[in-house]
């Protein structure tokens, strides 16, 4: 039978390893949250040859590559797409393609640290990047009723914040689309690391739950029922908190990165036609 001192030694060793693990998770948490790629394909390689490479200027002095194409139809709004925590502009070309074909203007907004852009990803940085993207689109006439915000995964936190800021400035956007959103990044993180006090330690929280009721624009929310990255329940909870008018599309057996399929795209376009009608 183990002695008391042996048991104490085991407990101490486990506690030390746990504290080291928690400390490492805290220090390197942004390495877990953001997965930028430096590879930058061209719009042509990504199936959106009509989109232009542009550089937008952030308030903290960065010049960020993004892609943009004005609406084919002057009555159509701009759609600004804020992508998730991994990949590049090119990996979202197929999403831009669907909206371009429907006549909408599209901006694939890129973040610091992604697609060859300088800078290190963070929540505060993403928000500055988003404001710079929206400033560019506003100069092209894409503001208020001529603007749709589309967020994907972590980009939903960006889209929600930008929609709230626009509403606070008296420039409510035409509509908001959220693909695989979470309540907060801390909630999503806690679902993956239940043995770590994620909610207490997380720096970049992307708290959409506390902001969603400040969005005074039509909302379309799509989420897969088998999403292993952002639990389906978080999307349901966020949708329940949102104000009307709102529309949900729960994709049966859908995962996290496989939602942009023809039926979903068709539903999004139908929503946009209704919510952005002049």
Foldseek 3Di string as FASTA:
>chain_A
DDDPVVVVVVVVVVVVVVVVVLVVCLVCVLVVAAAADQAADDLVVLVRNQWDWAWFAFPVGWTDTKTWDAFPDPLAAEEEEEEGRYDANSVCSVVVVLVNVVRHIYIDQDFDPHNNTHDDDAQVRLLRSVVRVVVVRVVVVHWALRYEYEYAELRLLNSLVVQLVCVVVVRHYLEYEYELYFQWVLVLVCVVVVVHNSVVRPDHISHNQVRQQSRPHEYEYEYECAAPRHHPVRSVSSQVSHDPPYYYHYHYRDYRPPPPDPVNSVVVVVVSCVSSPD
